[in-house]
Protein backbone atom coordinates (compact mmCIF):
# COMPACT_ATOMS: atom_id res chain seq x y z
CA UNK A 1 -0.45 -28.04 -68.92
CA UNK A 2 -1.11 -31.56 -70.04
CA UNK A 3 -0.14 -32.84 -66.61
CA UNK A 4 -2.11 -30.47 -64.62
CA UNK A 5 -5.24 -31.16 -66.78
CA UNK A 6 -4.47 -34.86 -66.07
CA UNK A 7 -4.13 -34.23 -62.21
CA UNK A 8 -7.33 -32.30 -62.34
CA UNK A 9 -9.07 -35.14 -64.04
CA UNK A 10 -7.72 -37.80 -61.78
CA UNK A 11 -8.81 -35.52 -58.75
CA UNK A 12 -12.29 -35.09 -60.12
CA UNK A 13 -12.78 -38.73 -60.78
CA UNK A 14 -11.81 -39.52 -57.23
CA UNK A 15 -14.14 -37.01 -55.94
CA UNK A 16 -17.14 -38.44 -57.78
CA UNK A 17 -16.36 -42.17 -57.40
CA UNK A 18 -15.62 -42.21 -53.73
CA UNK A 19 -13.67 -39.51 -52.03
CA UNK A 20 -15.36 -40.07 -48.91
CA UNK A 21 -15.35 -43.79 -48.02
CA UNK A 22 -18.21 -43.74 -45.39
CA UNK A 23 -20.62 -41.98 -47.86
CA UNK A 24 -19.39 -44.27 -50.75
CA UNK A 25 -20.27 -47.26 -48.58
CA UNK A 26 -23.98 -45.85 -47.87
CA UNK A 27 -24.41 -45.02 -51.44
CA UNK A 28 -23.36 -48.41 -52.36
CA UNK A 29 -25.61 -50.24 -49.99
CA UNK A 30 -28.62 -48.04 -50.91
CA UNK A 31 -27.74 -48.73 -54.72
CA UNK A 32 -27.59 -52.35 -53.96
CA UNK A 33 -30.83 -52.54 -52.13
CA UNK A 34 -32.76 -50.57 -54.82
CA UNK A 35 -33.48 -47.45 -52.59
CA UNK A 36 -31.42 -45.29 -54.63
CA UNK A 37 -31.06 -45.15 -58.33
CA UNK A 38 -28.48 -43.44 -60.59
CA UNK A 39 -29.67 -41.10 -63.36
CA UNK A 40 -29.11 -40.38 -66.86
CA UNK A 41 -27.86 -36.97 -65.98
CA UNK A 42 -25.32 -38.04 -63.56
CA UNK A 43 -27.17 -37.65 -60.42
CA UNK A 44 -28.88 -40.15 -58.10
CA UNK A 45 -32.48 -40.10 -56.78
CA UNK A 46 -34.58 -42.08 -54.28
CA UNK A 47 -36.28 -44.86 -56.20
CA UNK A 48 -38.21 -46.40 -53.46
CA UNK A 49 -39.56 -44.84 -50.31
CA UNK A 50 -36.26 -43.87 -48.36
CA UNK A 51 -35.34 -43.16 -45.06
CA UNK A 52 -33.83 -39.77 -43.80
CA UNK A 53 -30.38 -41.26 -44.04
CA UNK A 54 -31.14 -42.11 -47.91
CA UNK A 55 -32.42 -38.70 -48.46
CA UNK A 56 -29.13 -37.43 -46.63
CA UNK A 57 -26.86 -39.53 -48.92
CA UNK A 58 -28.71 -38.35 -52.11
CA UNK A 59 -28.43 -34.71 -51.34
CA UNK A 60 -24.69 -35.08 -50.13
CA UNK A 61 -23.80 -37.01 -53.53
CA UNK A 62 -25.72 -34.66 -55.77
CA UNK A 63 -24.11 -31.76 -53.99
CA UNK A 64 -20.65 -33.12 -54.68
CA UNK A 65 -21.39 -34.20 -58.20
CA UNK A 66 -22.96 -30.70 -59.08
CA UNK A 67 -19.93 -29.02 -58.11
CA UNK A 68 -17.69 -31.25 -59.94
CA UNK A 69 -19.92 -31.10 -62.91
CA UNK A 70 -19.80 -27.32 -62.81
CA UNK A 71 -15.88 -27.11 -62.31
CA UNK A 72 -15.46 -29.34 -65.40
CA UNK A 73 -17.97 -27.57 -67.50
CA UNK A 74 -16.31 -24.27 -66.91
CA UNK A 75 -12.92 -25.69 -67.60
CA UNK A 76 -14.08 -27.32 -70.92
CA UNK A 77 -16.44 -24.53 -71.68
CA UNK A 78 -19.30 -27.08 -72.25
CA UNK A 79 -22.87 -27.14 -70.66
CA UNK A 80 -23.01 -28.50 -67.26
CA UNK A 81 -25.76 -31.04 -68.29
CA UNK A 82 -23.45 -32.51 -70.96
CA UNK A 83 -20.71 -33.20 -68.11
CA UNK A 84 -23.19 -35.02 -66.30
CA UNK A 85 -24.40 -37.17 -68.93
CA UNK A 86 -20.89 -38.36 -69.78
CA UNK A 87 -20.16 -39.04 -65.95
CA UNK A 88 -23.46 -40.67 -65.92
CA UNK A 89 -22.17 -43.36 -68.64
CA UNK A 90 -19.05 -43.80 -66.79
CA UNK A 91 -20.70 -44.35 -63.38
CA UNK A 92 -23.22 -46.85 -65.06
CA UNK A 93 -20.12 -48.61 -66.54
CA UNK A 94 -18.51 -48.99 -62.98
CA UNK A 95 -21.56 -49.81 -60.74
CA UNK A 96 -22.29 -53.40 -59.75
CA UNK A 97 -24.99 -55.52 -61.52
CA UNK A 98 -28.42 -54.87 -59.99
CA UNK A 99 -28.09 -51.05 -59.66
CA UNK A 100 -31.00 -49.34 -60.96
CA UNK A 101 -30.72 -46.51 -63.54
CA UNK A 102 -33.38 -43.91 -64.73
CA UNK A 103 -33.37 -43.18 -68.36
CA UNK A 104 -34.14 -39.92 -69.82
CA UNK A 105 -37.75 -40.92 -70.55
CA UNK A 106 -38.29 -41.61 -66.73
CA UNK A 107 -38.15 -45.41 -66.90
CA UNK A 108 -36.04 -47.47 -64.39
CA UNK A 109 -33.73 -50.17 -66.05
CA UNK A 110 -31.61 -52.53 -63.70
CA UNK A 111 -28.03 -53.07 -64.89
């Protein structure tokens, strides 16, 4: 049982942090340019006026994260938003310096 849970956790982390290299590269580039910001709830958003490509990346990343958070919440019997906030902290620890992050009060801060 423990091995299965560890495997599921590992697979979820892979999915959140780069299962699709092309999309991850796009996300990284858009975060580095300041167009996309990470949020306190584990999702991303357009911080500055973004192109159609930036909007596509935001939609795809958020859809994948939403699915992962939902599965994780159901497995642990906790609220989805709680899972998102935990992942947000992990994401913030792993992103490069200079990435923008939106706090719960709506303020943007740069890592």
